[in-house]
């Protein structure tokens, strides 16, 4: 927050993976997307509150994280993207790729 003169100009984007349908012993079960999105919003708000950053602009999108981040940056004409890396290596990185690298 110390690097931002006007916190409301800082956008925090949280991307959830798309809804899925799975086969369970009871049959096909669809993911509850609305409750998943509410949970993501609560987690994001809690995280920002804990880091004294509740006044930033918060956004939640659903989809492929790499694409959603790149699309959002394009839509909002973003100057800078800052994102963490989980540090996957080896087979996990080859199979799953890196969102940071894709963005």
C-alpha atoms as a PDB file:
ATOM      1  CA  UNK A   1       0.000   0.000   0.000  1.00  0.00           C
ATOM      2  CA  UNK A   2       2.925   2.334   0.561  1.00  0.00           C
ATOM      3  CA  UNK A   3       3.642   2.342  -3.171  1.00  0.00           C
ATOM      4  CA  UNK A   4       0.163   3.552  -4.141  1.00  0.00           C
ATOM      5  CA  UNK A   5      -0.792   7.207  -3.753  1.00  0.00           C
ATOM      6  CA  UNK A   6      -4.509   6.506  -4.238  1.00  0.00           C
ATOM      7  CA  UNK A   7      -5.446   3.006  -3.030  1.00  0.00           C
ATOM      8  CA  UNK A   8      -8.763   3.016  -4.899  1.00  0.00           C
ATOM      9  CA  UNK A   9      -6.751   3.017  -8.134  1.00  0.00           C
ATOM     10  CA  UNK A  10      -5.178  -0.290  -7.124  1.00  0.00           C
ATOM     11  CA  UNK A  11      -7.183  -3.205  -8.497  1.00  0.00           C
ATOM     12  CA  UNK A  12      -6.992  -6.603  -6.829  1.00  0.00           C
ATOM     13  CA  UNK A  13      -8.262  -9.383  -9.073  1.00  0.00           C
ATOM     14  CA  UNK A  14      -9.067 -12.856  -7.740  1.00  0.00           C
ATOM     15  CA  UNK A  15      -9.791 -15.539 -10.343  1.00  0.00           C
ATOM     16  CA  UNK A  16     -11.646 -18.733  -9.472  1.00  0.00           C
ATOM     17  CA  UNK A  17     -11.536 -21.778 -11.692  1.00  0.00           C
ATOM     18  CA  UNK A  18     -14.619 -22.494 -13.821  1.00  0.00           C
ATOM     19  CA  UNK A  19     -17.504 -24.465 -12.370  1.00  0.00           C
ATOM     20  CA  UNK A  20     -17.282 -28.214 -12.820  1.00  0.00           C
ATOM     21  CA  UNK A  21     -19.665 -31.142 -12.848  1.00  0.00           C
ATOM     22  CA  UNK A  22     -18.443 -34.383 -11.307  1.00  0.00           C
ATOM     23  CA  UNK A  23     -19.748 -37.922 -11.133  1.00  0.00           C
ATOM     24  CA  UNK A  24     -20.293 -38.986  -7.537  1.00  0.00           C
ATOM     25  CA  UNK A  25     -21.767 -42.215  -6.150  1.00  0.00           C
ATOM     26  CA  UNK A  26     -25.107 -40.384  -6.084  1.00  0.00           C
ATOM     27  CA  UNK A  27     -24.904 -39.308  -9.735  1.00  0.00           C
ATOM     28  CA  UNK A  28     -23.794 -36.122 -11.461  1.00  0.00           C
ATOM     29  CA  UNK A  29     -23.209 -33.207  -9.121  1.00  0.00           C
ATOM     30  CA  UNK A  30     -22.744 -29.628 -10.320  1.00  0.00           C
ATOM     31  CA  UNK A  31     -20.430 -27.232  -8.562  1.00  0.00           C
ATOM     32  CA  UNK A  32     -22.262 -24.538  -6.609  1.00  0.00           C
ATOM     33  CA  UNK A  33     -20.752 -21.530  -8.402  1.00  0.00           C
ATOM     34  CA  UNK A  34     -22.644 -18.782  -6.498  1.00  0.00           C
ATOM     35  CA  UNK A  35     -21.511 -20.046  -3.097  1.00  0.00           C
ATOM     36  CA  UNK A  36     -17.965 -20.519  -4.415  1.00  0.00           C
ATOM     37  CA  UNK A  37     -17.940 -16.917  -5.636  1.00  0.00           C
ATOM     38  CA  UNK A  38     -19.284 -15.677  -2.264  1.00  0.00           C
ATOM     39  CA  UNK A  39     -16.565 -17.644  -0.474  1.00  0.00           C
ATOM     40  CA  UNK A  40     -13.911 -16.139  -2.768  1.00  0.00           C
ATOM     41  CA  UNK A  41     -15.234 -12.635  -2.055  1.00  0.00           C
ATOM     42  CA  UNK A  42     -15.119 -13.277   1.692  1.00  0.00           C
ATOM     43  CA  UNK A  43     -11.568 -14.638   1.517  1.00  0.00           C
ATOM     44  CA  UNK A  44     -10.396 -11.700  -0.559  1.00  0.00           C
ATOM     45  CA  UNK A  45     -12.025  -9.143   1.749  1.00  0.00           C
ATOM     46  CA  UNK A  46     -10.561 -10.828   4.818  1.00  0.00           C
ATOM     47  CA  UNK A  47      -7.077 -10.924   3.262  1.00  0.00           C
ATOM     48  CA  UNK A  48      -7.229  -7.248   2.301  1.00  0.00           C
ATOM     49  CA  UNK A  49      -8.564  -6.252   5.734  1.00  0.00           C
ATOM     50  CA  UNK A  50      -5.708  -8.124   7.424  1.00  0.00           C
ATOM     51  CA  UNK A  51      -3.229  -6.217   5.253  1.00  0.00           C
ATOM     52  CA  UNK A  52      -4.857  -2.811   5.828  1.00  0.00           C
ATOM     53  CA  UNK A  53      -5.835  -2.650   2.155  1.00  0.00           C
ATOM     54  CA  UNK A  54      -9.628  -2.754   2.304  1.00  0.00           C
ATOM     55  CA  UNK A  55      -9.997   0.482   0.309  1.00  0.00           C
ATOM     56  CA  UNK A  56      -8.544  -0.996  -2.902  1.00  0.00           C
ATOM     57  CA  UNK A  57     -10.866  -1.952  -5.763  1.00  0.00           C
ATOM     58  CA  UNK A  58     -11.714  -5.668  -5.576  1.00  0.00           C
ATOM     59  CA  UNK A  59     -12.771  -7.828  -8.504  1.00  0.00           C
ATOM     60  CA  UNK A  60     -13.547 -11.526  -8.819  1.00  0.00           C
ATOM     61  CA  UNK A  61     -13.709 -13.360 -12.128  1.00  0.00           C
ATOM     62  CA  UNK A  62     -14.334 -16.979 -13.038  1.00  0.00           C
ATOM     63  CA  UNK A  63     -12.352 -18.799 -15.703  1.00  0.00           C
ATOM     64  CA  UNK A  64      -8.817 -19.615 -16.738  1.00  0.00           C
ATOM     65  CA  UNK A  65      -6.625 -17.474 -14.465  1.00  0.00           C
ATOM     66  CA  UNK A  66      -4.053 -16.593 -17.130  1.00  0.00           C
ATOM     67  CA  UNK A  67      -6.680 -15.530 -19.639  1.00  0.00           C
ATOM     68  CA  UNK A  68      -8.817 -13.678 -17.097  1.00  0.00           C
ATOM     69  CA  UNK A  69      -5.861 -11.680 -15.772  1.00  0.00           C
ATOM     70  CA  UNK A  70      -4.648 -10.800 -19.268  1.00  0.00           C
ATOM     71  CA  UNK A  71      -8.166  -9.875 -20.426  1.00  0.00           C
ATOM     72  CA  UNK A  72      -8.780  -7.726 -17.339  1.00  0.00           C
ATOM     73  CA  UNK A  73      -5.451  -5.948 -17.807  1.00  0.00           C
ATOM     74  CA  UNK A  74      -6.341  -5.265 -21.435  1.00  0.00           C
ATOM     75  CA  UNK A  75      -9.866  -4.029 -20.574  1.00  0.00           C
ATOM     76  CA  UNK A  76      -8.636  -1.670 -17.879  1.00  0.00           C
ATOM     77  CA  UNK A  77      -5.455  -0.598 -19.690  1.00  0.00           C
ATOM     78  CA  UNK A  78      -3.384  -1.733 -16.722  1.00  0.00           C
ATOM     79  CA  UNK A  79       0.126  -0.290 -16.410  1.00  0.00           C
ATOM     80  CA  UNK A  80       1.565  -2.916 -14.073  1.00  0.00           C
ATOM     81  CA  UNK A  81       0.614  -6.440 -12.998  1.00  0.00           C
ATOM     82  CA  UNK A  82       2.014  -7.786  -9.741  1.00  0.00           C
ATOM     83  CA  UNK A  83       1.379 -11.423  -8.911  1.00  0.00           C
ATOM     84  CA  UNK A  84       2.915 -14.125  -6.753  1.00  0.00           C
ATOM     85  CA  UNK A  85       4.329 -17.408  -7.935  1.00  0.00           C
ATOM     86  CA  UNK A  86       3.697 -20.719  -6.187  1.00  0.00           C
ATOM     87  CA  UNK A  87       7.045 -21.983  -7.400  1.00  0.00           C
ATOM     88  CA  UNK A  88       5.938 -25.215  -9.079  1.00  0.00           C
ATOM     89  CA  UNK A  89       8.872 -27.063 -10.589  1.00  0.00           C
ATOM     90  CA  UNK A  90       9.503 -30.102 -12.715  1.00  0.00           C
ATOM     91  CA  UNK A  91       6.577 -32.229 -13.864  1.00  0.00           C
ATOM     92  CA  UNK A  92       3.923 -30.051 -12.165  1.00  0.00           C
ATOM     93  CA  UNK A  93       5.125 -27.004 -14.054  1.00  0.00           C
ATOM     94  CA  UNK A  94       5.313 -28.867 -17.368  1.00  0.00           C
ATOM     95  CA  UNK A  95       1.820 -30.353 -16.972  1.00  0.00           C
ATOM     96  CA  UNK A  96       0.058 -27.418 -15.353  1.00  0.00           C
ATOM     97  CA  UNK A  97       2.074 -24.499 -16.671  1.00  0.00           C
ATOM     98  CA  UNK A  98       2.595 -21.256 -14.852  1.00  0.00           C
ATOM     99  CA  UNK A  99      -0.125 -18.617 -14.681  1.00  0.00           C
ATOM    100  CA  UNK A 100       2.576 -15.998 -14.162  1.00  0.00           C
ATOM    101  CA  UNK A 101       4.388 -17.060 -17.337  1.00  0.00           C
ATOM    102  CA  UNK A 102       1.153 -17.177 -19.355  1.00  0.00           C
ATOM    103  CA  UNK A 103       0.177 -13.671 -18.254  1.00  0.00           C
END
